[in-house]
N, C-alpha and C. Protein backbone atom coordinates (compact mmCIF):
# COMPACT_ATOMS: atom_id res chain seq x y z
N MET A 1 0.85 -1.18 0.00
CA MET A 1 0.00 0.00 0.00
C MET A 1 0.90 1.24 0.00
N THR A 2 0.60 2.15 -0.88
CA THR A 2 1.37 3.39 -0.98
C THR A 2 0.54 4.54 -0.44
N ARG A 3 1.20 5.37 0.30
CA ARG A 3 0.50 6.55 0.83
C ARG A 3 0.92 7.79 0.09
N GLU A 4 -0.04 8.66 -0.10
CA GLU A 4 0.25 9.98 -0.67
C GLU A 4 1.01 10.77 0.38
N PRO A 5 2.03 11.51 -0.05
CA PRO A 5 2.71 12.36 0.94
C PRO A 5 1.74 13.39 1.49
N ARG A 6 1.80 13.58 2.78
CA ARG A 6 0.93 14.58 3.41
C ARG A 6 1.53 15.96 3.23
N SER A 7 0.69 16.87 2.87
CA SER A 7 1.19 18.24 2.75
C SER A 7 1.20 18.87 4.14
N ASP A 8 2.02 19.86 4.28
CA ASP A 8 2.08 20.60 5.53
C ASP A 8 0.74 21.31 5.70
N PRO A 9 0.00 21.07 6.80
CA PRO A 9 -1.31 21.72 6.96
C PRO A 9 -1.22 23.23 6.96
N ARG A 10 -0.06 23.79 7.34
CA ARG A 10 0.07 25.25 7.31
C ARG A 10 0.07 25.79 5.89
N SER A 11 0.39 24.95 4.90
CA SER A 11 0.46 25.44 3.53
C SER A 11 -0.92 25.81 3.00
N GLU A 12 -1.95 25.34 3.64
CA GLU A 12 -3.32 25.66 3.22
C GLU A 12 -3.86 26.88 3.96
N LEU A 13 -3.21 27.28 5.01
CA LEU A 13 -3.66 28.43 5.79
C LEU A 13 -3.12 29.71 5.17
N ARG A 14 -3.84 30.80 5.40
CA ARG A 14 -3.39 32.12 4.97
C ARG A 14 -3.33 33.00 6.21
N PHE A 15 -2.17 33.55 6.48
CA PHE A 15 -2.00 34.41 7.64
C PHE A 15 -2.04 35.89 7.26
N ASP A 16 -2.38 36.19 6.00
CA ASP A 16 -2.40 37.57 5.55
C ASP A 16 -3.81 38.08 5.26
N LEU A 17 -4.81 37.24 5.46
CA LEU A 17 -6.19 37.65 5.18
C LEU A 17 -6.96 37.80 6.48
N PRO A 18 -7.83 38.78 6.56
CA PRO A 18 -8.56 39.05 7.80
C PRO A 18 -9.65 38.01 8.06
N GLU A 19 -10.03 37.95 9.32
CA GLU A 19 -11.21 37.20 9.72
C GLU A 19 -12.19 38.22 10.30
N PRO A 20 -13.03 38.81 9.43
CA PRO A 20 -13.94 39.85 9.91
C PRO A 20 -14.89 39.33 10.97
N ASP A 21 -15.23 40.21 11.91
CA ASP A 21 -16.27 39.90 12.87
C ASP A 21 -17.40 40.90 12.65
N ALA A 22 -18.41 40.86 13.48
CA ALA A 22 -19.58 41.73 13.28
C ALA A 22 -19.19 43.20 13.26
N PHE A 23 -18.23 43.60 14.09
CA PHE A 23 -17.83 44.99 14.14
C PHE A 23 -16.94 45.39 12.96
N THR A 24 -15.96 44.58 12.60
CA THR A 24 -15.00 44.96 11.56
C THR A 24 -15.47 44.66 10.14
N ARG A 25 -16.61 43.99 10.00
CA ARG A 25 -17.11 43.65 8.66
C ARG A 25 -17.26 44.89 7.78
N THR A 26 -17.72 46.00 8.34
CA THR A 26 -17.87 47.24 7.57
C THR A 26 -16.53 47.67 6.98
N TYR A 27 -15.49 47.61 7.81
CA TYR A 27 -14.14 47.99 7.37
C TYR A 27 -13.67 47.09 6.22
N TRP A 28 -13.79 45.77 6.41
CA TRP A 28 -13.29 44.83 5.40
C TRP A 28 -14.13 44.83 4.14
N ASP A 29 -15.44 45.04 4.26
CA ASP A 29 -16.29 45.15 3.07
C ASP A 29 -15.88 46.36 2.23
N ALA A 30 -15.62 47.49 2.90
CA ALA A 30 -15.18 48.70 2.18
C ALA A 30 -13.83 48.45 1.52
N ALA A 31 -12.90 47.82 2.23
CA ALA A 31 -11.58 47.52 1.66
C ALA A 31 -11.72 46.63 0.44
N GLY A 32 -12.66 45.69 0.47
CA GLY A 32 -12.91 44.83 -0.68
C GLY A 32 -13.39 45.61 -1.89
N GLN A 33 -13.96 46.79 -1.64
CA GLN A 33 -14.42 47.67 -2.72
C GLN A 33 -13.38 48.75 -3.05
N GLY A 34 -12.21 48.66 -2.43
CA GLY A 34 -11.15 49.63 -2.72
C GLY A 34 -11.27 50.94 -1.95
N ARG A 35 -11.92 50.91 -0.79
CA ARG A 35 -12.04 52.11 0.05
C ARG A 35 -11.42 51.84 1.41
N LEU A 36 -10.66 52.81 1.90
CA LEU A 36 -10.05 52.72 3.22
C LEU A 36 -10.88 53.51 4.21
N LEU A 37 -11.33 52.85 5.26
CA LEU A 37 -12.11 53.51 6.30
C LEU A 37 -11.28 53.70 7.56
N ILE A 38 -11.56 54.79 8.26
CA ILE A 38 -11.01 55.01 9.59
C ILE A 38 -12.18 55.39 10.48
N ARG A 39 -11.96 55.42 11.78
CA ARG A 39 -13.01 55.81 12.72
C ARG A 39 -12.79 57.28 13.09
N HIS A 40 -13.89 57.99 13.31
CA HIS A 40 -13.84 59.40 13.66
C HIS A 40 -14.72 59.63 14.88
N CYS A 41 -14.18 60.33 15.87
CA CYS A 41 -14.93 60.61 17.10
C CYS A 41 -15.70 61.93 16.97
N ALA A 42 -16.99 61.86 17.17
CA ALA A 42 -17.81 63.06 17.07
C ALA A 42 -17.65 63.95 18.30
N ASP A 43 -17.16 63.41 19.41
CA ASP A 43 -17.03 64.22 20.63
C ASP A 43 -15.73 65.01 20.66
N CYS A 44 -14.58 64.37 20.41
CA CYS A 44 -13.31 65.11 20.46
C CYS A 44 -12.80 65.48 19.07
N GLY A 45 -13.45 64.94 18.02
CA GLY A 45 -13.10 65.30 16.66
C GLY A 45 -11.88 64.61 16.08
N ARG A 46 -11.32 63.65 16.81
CA ARG A 46 -10.08 63.01 16.34
C ARG A 46 -10.37 61.68 15.64
N PRO A 47 -9.66 61.44 14.55
CA PRO A 47 -9.77 60.14 13.89
C PRO A 47 -8.83 59.13 14.54
N HIS A 48 -9.10 57.85 14.34
CA HIS A 48 -8.18 56.82 14.83
C HIS A 48 -8.22 55.59 13.94
N HIS A 49 -7.18 54.83 14.05
CA HIS A 49 -7.06 53.56 13.34
C HIS A 49 -6.14 52.71 14.18
N TYR A 50 -6.40 51.55 14.44
CA TYR A 50 -7.24 50.52 13.90
C TYR A 50 -8.66 50.72 14.40
N PRO A 51 -9.65 50.14 13.71
CA PRO A 51 -11.04 50.33 14.10
C PRO A 51 -11.34 49.81 15.51
N ARG A 52 -11.95 50.69 16.31
CA ARG A 52 -12.41 50.34 17.65
C ARG A 52 -13.80 50.89 17.85
N GLU A 53 -14.51 50.35 18.79
CA GLU A 53 -15.88 50.80 19.04
C GLU A 53 -15.93 52.03 19.94
N PHE A 54 -14.76 52.49 20.37
CA PHE A 54 -14.69 53.68 21.22
C PHE A 54 -13.48 54.50 20.78
N CYS A 55 -13.45 55.74 21.17
CA CYS A 55 -12.33 56.62 20.84
C CYS A 55 -11.19 56.37 21.81
N PRO A 56 -9.98 56.07 21.31
CA PRO A 56 -8.87 55.83 22.23
C PRO A 56 -8.31 57.11 22.84
N HIS A 57 -8.80 58.27 22.39
CA HIS A 57 -8.33 59.55 22.90
C HIS A 57 -9.18 60.05 24.06
N CYS A 58 -10.51 59.97 23.91
CA CYS A 58 -11.40 60.50 24.96
C CYS A 58 -12.35 59.44 25.52
N TRP A 59 -12.27 58.24 25.01
CA TRP A 59 -13.07 57.08 25.43
C TRP A 59 -14.55 57.17 25.08
N SER A 60 -14.91 58.12 24.25
CA SER A 60 -16.29 58.25 23.82
C SER A 60 -16.68 57.07 22.91
N GLU A 61 -17.93 56.68 22.99
CA GLU A 61 -18.46 55.66 22.09
C GLU A 61 -19.17 56.29 20.90
N ASN A 62 -19.10 57.62 20.79
CA ASN A 62 -19.76 58.36 19.72
C ASN A 62 -18.82 58.45 18.51
N VAL A 63 -18.51 57.30 17.91
CA VAL A 63 -17.58 57.23 16.79
C VAL A 63 -18.28 56.66 15.56
N THR A 64 -17.84 57.13 14.40
CA THR A 64 -18.44 56.69 13.13
C THR A 64 -17.34 56.34 12.14
N TRP A 65 -17.73 55.65 11.07
CA TRP A 65 -16.81 55.34 9.99
C TRP A 65 -16.66 56.56 9.09
N GLU A 66 -15.45 56.77 8.60
CA GLU A 66 -15.17 57.87 7.69
C GLU A 66 -14.25 57.32 6.59
N THR A 67 -14.51 57.72 5.35
CA THR A 67 -13.65 57.29 4.26
C THR A 67 -12.37 58.12 4.27
N ALA A 68 -11.24 57.43 4.30
CA ALA A 68 -9.94 58.10 4.27
C ALA A 68 -9.54 58.36 2.82
N SER A 69 -8.65 59.29 2.62
CA SER A 69 -8.21 59.66 1.27
C SER A 69 -7.33 58.59 0.63
N GLY A 70 -6.67 57.78 1.46
CA GLY A 70 -5.72 56.81 0.93
C GLY A 70 -4.33 57.38 0.76
N ARG A 71 -4.16 58.66 1.07
CA ARG A 71 -2.84 59.28 1.01
C ARG A 71 -2.16 59.15 2.37
N ALA A 72 -0.84 58.97 2.34
CA ALA A 72 -0.10 58.83 3.58
C ALA A 72 1.36 59.18 3.33
N THR A 73 2.13 59.23 4.41
CA THR A 73 3.58 59.37 4.29
C THR A 73 4.22 58.22 5.06
N LEU A 74 5.35 57.80 4.57
CA LEU A 74 6.07 56.69 5.17
C LEU A 74 6.69 57.16 6.48
N TYR A 75 6.39 56.45 7.56
CA TYR A 75 6.95 56.78 8.87
C TYR A 75 8.20 55.93 9.14
N THR A 76 8.06 54.61 9.00
CA THR A 76 9.19 53.71 9.17
C THR A 76 8.92 52.42 8.41
N TRP A 77 9.95 51.62 8.21
CA TRP A 77 9.79 50.38 7.46
C TRP A 77 10.92 49.42 7.80
N SER A 78 10.71 48.17 7.44
CA SER A 78 11.73 47.14 7.60
C SER A 78 11.59 46.16 6.45
N VAL A 79 12.69 45.76 5.87
CA VAL A 79 12.66 44.77 4.80
C VAL A 79 12.74 43.40 5.45
N VAL A 80 11.72 42.58 5.22
CA VAL A 80 11.64 41.24 5.80
C VAL A 80 12.22 40.25 4.80
N HIS A 81 13.23 39.54 5.24
CA HIS A 81 13.91 38.58 4.36
C HIS A 81 13.52 37.14 4.65
N ARG A 82 12.88 36.88 5.79
CA ARG A 82 12.49 35.52 6.11
C ARG A 82 11.18 35.55 6.89
N ASN A 83 10.24 34.73 6.42
CA ASN A 83 8.96 34.56 7.11
C ASN A 83 8.41 33.22 6.65
N ASP A 84 8.25 32.31 7.57
CA ASP A 84 7.82 30.96 7.23
C ASP A 84 6.30 30.79 7.17
N LEU A 85 5.54 31.80 7.56
CA LEU A 85 4.09 31.67 7.53
C LEU A 85 3.56 31.90 6.13
N PRO A 86 2.63 31.05 5.68
CA PRO A 86 2.06 31.23 4.34
C PRO A 86 1.19 32.48 4.28
N PRO A 87 1.20 33.23 3.25
CA PRO A 87 1.97 33.10 2.01
C PRO A 87 3.23 33.96 2.02
N PHE A 88 3.64 34.47 3.19
CA PHE A 88 4.75 35.42 3.25
C PHE A 88 6.05 34.85 2.71
N GLY A 89 6.26 33.54 2.89
CA GLY A 89 7.49 32.93 2.39
C GLY A 89 7.69 33.12 0.90
N ARG A 90 6.58 33.18 0.15
CA ARG A 90 6.67 33.40 -1.30
C ARG A 90 6.88 34.87 -1.64
N ARG A 91 6.71 35.76 -0.69
CA ARG A 91 6.82 37.20 -0.96
C ARG A 91 8.17 37.79 -0.57
N VAL A 92 8.96 37.08 0.19
CA VAL A 92 10.21 37.67 0.67
C VAL A 92 11.15 37.96 -0.48
N PRO A 93 11.91 39.03 -0.41
CA PRO A 93 11.80 40.05 0.62
C PRO A 93 10.60 40.97 0.37
N TYR A 94 9.99 41.42 1.46
CA TYR A 94 8.89 42.39 1.35
C TYR A 94 9.11 43.48 2.39
N VAL A 95 8.38 44.57 2.24
CA VAL A 95 8.57 45.73 3.11
C VAL A 95 7.39 45.86 4.06
N ALA A 96 7.63 45.60 5.35
CA ALA A 96 6.65 45.89 6.40
C ALA A 96 6.83 47.36 6.75
N ALA A 97 5.72 48.08 6.86
CA ALA A 97 5.84 49.53 7.03
C ALA A 97 4.80 50.07 8.00
N VAL A 98 5.07 51.26 8.48
CA VAL A 98 4.12 52.06 9.24
C VAL A 98 4.00 53.37 8.49
N VAL A 99 2.76 53.78 8.22
CA VAL A 99 2.52 55.03 7.50
C VAL A 99 1.66 55.95 8.35
N ASP A 100 1.83 57.25 8.13
CA ASP A 100 0.97 58.26 8.75
C ASP A 100 -0.07 58.65 7.72
N LEU A 101 -1.32 58.29 7.98
CA LEU A 101 -2.41 58.64 7.07
C LEU A 101 -2.58 60.16 7.03
N ALA A 102 -3.00 60.69 5.89
CA ALA A 102 -3.21 62.14 5.75
C ALA A 102 -4.18 62.66 6.80
N GLU A 103 -5.10 61.82 7.23
CA GLU A 103 -6.10 62.22 8.23
C GLU A 103 -5.54 62.23 9.65
N GLY A 104 -4.33 61.70 9.84
CA GLY A 104 -3.69 61.74 11.15
C GLY A 104 -3.29 60.41 11.76
N PRO A 105 -4.13 59.39 11.72
CA PRO A 105 -3.74 58.13 12.37
C PRO A 105 -2.54 57.45 11.70
N ARG A 106 -1.86 56.69 12.48
CA ARG A 106 -0.73 55.88 12.01
C ARG A 106 -1.25 54.47 11.77
N MET A 107 -0.74 53.82 10.72
CA MET A 107 -1.25 52.51 10.31
C MET A 107 -0.11 51.56 9.94
N MET A 108 -0.16 50.34 10.45
CA MET A 108 0.78 49.30 10.03
C MET A 108 0.28 48.73 8.70
N THR A 109 1.22 48.41 7.80
CA THR A 109 0.85 47.96 6.47
C THR A 109 2.02 47.27 5.80
N GLU A 110 1.85 47.01 4.54
CA GLU A 110 2.94 46.51 3.70
C GLU A 110 3.12 47.50 2.56
N LEU A 111 4.35 47.75 2.20
CA LEU A 111 4.66 48.62 1.06
C LEU A 111 4.97 47.71 -0.12
N VAL A 112 4.24 47.89 -1.21
CA VAL A 112 4.39 47.01 -2.37
C VAL A 112 4.92 47.80 -3.56
N ASP A 113 5.47 47.07 -4.53
CA ASP A 113 5.93 47.67 -5.80
C ASP A 113 6.87 48.85 -5.58
N SER A 114 7.76 48.74 -4.60
CA SER A 114 8.65 49.85 -4.27
C SER A 114 10.06 49.32 -4.02
N ASP A 115 11.04 50.04 -4.49
CA ASP A 115 12.44 49.69 -4.26
C ASP A 115 12.83 50.11 -2.85
N PRO A 116 13.14 49.16 -1.97
CA PRO A 116 13.49 49.52 -0.59
C PRO A 116 14.65 50.51 -0.50
N ALA A 117 15.58 50.48 -1.43
CA ALA A 117 16.72 51.40 -1.40
C ALA A 117 16.29 52.85 -1.63
N ALA A 118 15.13 53.05 -2.24
CA ALA A 118 14.66 54.41 -2.55
C ALA A 118 13.79 54.99 -1.43
N LEU A 119 13.51 54.23 -0.39
CA LEU A 119 12.59 54.68 0.65
C LEU A 119 13.26 55.66 1.60
N ARG A 120 12.50 56.67 1.98
CA ARG A 120 12.94 57.66 2.96
C ARG A 120 11.75 58.01 3.84
N ALA A 121 12.00 58.27 5.11
CA ALA A 121 10.92 58.72 5.99
C ALA A 121 10.31 59.99 5.40
N GLY A 122 8.99 60.06 5.44
CA GLY A 122 8.29 61.22 4.90
C GLY A 122 7.92 61.09 3.43
N THR A 123 8.33 59.99 2.79
CA THR A 123 7.99 59.78 1.38
C THR A 123 6.48 59.61 1.24
N PRO A 124 5.84 60.30 0.30
CA PRO A 124 4.41 60.11 0.07
C PRO A 124 4.12 58.70 -0.46
N VAL A 125 3.07 58.10 0.04
CA VAL A 125 2.60 56.79 -0.43
C VAL A 125 1.09 56.84 -0.58
N GLU A 126 0.54 55.85 -1.29
CA GLU A 126 -0.91 55.81 -1.49
C GLU A 126 -1.41 54.40 -1.29
N ALA A 127 -2.66 54.29 -0.86
CA ALA A 127 -3.28 52.99 -0.62
C ALA A 127 -3.66 52.33 -1.93
N VAL A 128 -3.42 51.05 -1.99
CA VAL A 128 -3.92 50.16 -3.03
C VAL A 128 -4.43 48.93 -2.28
N PHE A 129 -5.14 48.08 -2.97
CA PHE A 129 -5.76 46.96 -2.27
C PHE A 129 -5.37 45.64 -2.93
N ARG A 130 -4.93 44.70 -2.11
CA ARG A 130 -4.55 43.37 -2.56
C ARG A 130 -5.48 42.39 -1.86
N GLU A 131 -6.32 41.73 -2.63
CA GLU A 131 -7.27 40.76 -2.09
C GLU A 131 -8.10 41.36 -0.96
N GLY A 132 -8.50 42.62 -1.11
CA GLY A 132 -9.33 43.27 -0.12
C GLY A 132 -8.59 43.74 1.12
N VAL A 133 -7.28 43.80 1.06
CA VAL A 133 -6.47 44.25 2.20
C VAL A 133 -5.72 45.51 1.76
N PRO A 134 -5.82 46.61 2.54
CA PRO A 134 -5.09 47.81 2.17
C PRO A 134 -3.58 47.64 2.36
N VAL A 135 -2.85 47.94 1.31
CA VAL A 135 -1.39 48.01 1.33
C VAL A 135 -1.04 49.35 0.69
N PHE A 136 0.21 49.74 0.73
CA PHE A 136 0.58 51.04 0.18
C PHE A 136 1.71 50.90 -0.83
N ARG A 137 1.83 51.91 -1.69
CA ARG A 137 2.91 51.95 -2.67
C ARG A 137 3.28 53.41 -2.91
N LEU A 138 4.43 53.60 -3.53
CA LEU A 138 4.79 54.94 -3.98
C LEU A 138 3.83 55.32 -5.10
N PRO A 139 3.38 56.56 -5.15
CA PRO A 139 2.47 56.95 -6.24
C PRO A 139 3.18 56.84 -7.60
N PRO A 140 2.42 56.63 -8.67
CA PRO A 140 3.04 56.60 -9.98
C PRO A 140 3.90 57.85 -10.20
N GLY A 141 5.09 57.65 -10.69
CA GLY A 141 6.01 58.77 -10.87
C GLY A 141 6.80 59.08 -9.61
N GLY A 142 6.43 58.43 -8.45
CA GLY A 142 7.17 58.64 -7.21
C GLY A 142 8.48 57.88 -7.24
N LYS A 143 9.31 58.10 -6.25
CA LYS A 143 10.61 57.44 -6.20
C LYS A 143 10.56 56.22 -5.33
């Protein structure tokens, strides 16, 4: 009797796709349509990201979804050369980044289609969407 080789069960998992819940479904549905949402507090007027049901600045629950422009500047980044979790192993090297959204909040993300040697803090970047997940890139004509 011959057995088929068993594949690594992790090879079927994806660690880069969200698992929306009742609260975050609005965010992920918008991202699937190519829109980036952030939360905005009606009491203190400050936006925030990642999505929460309350304002992390004043603790108010009077927060709503707001469409962000998708414009940002690069705050910091790191080039990842090794990651064994699927599908990151096929993407290395890739750029893990933190960007400052034009609206104010800071966001963790991935920088795509960009030469890591050309990156500088403060470089303008823009949101694009990969499989319904916001990632960022240098704008066309950018460095």
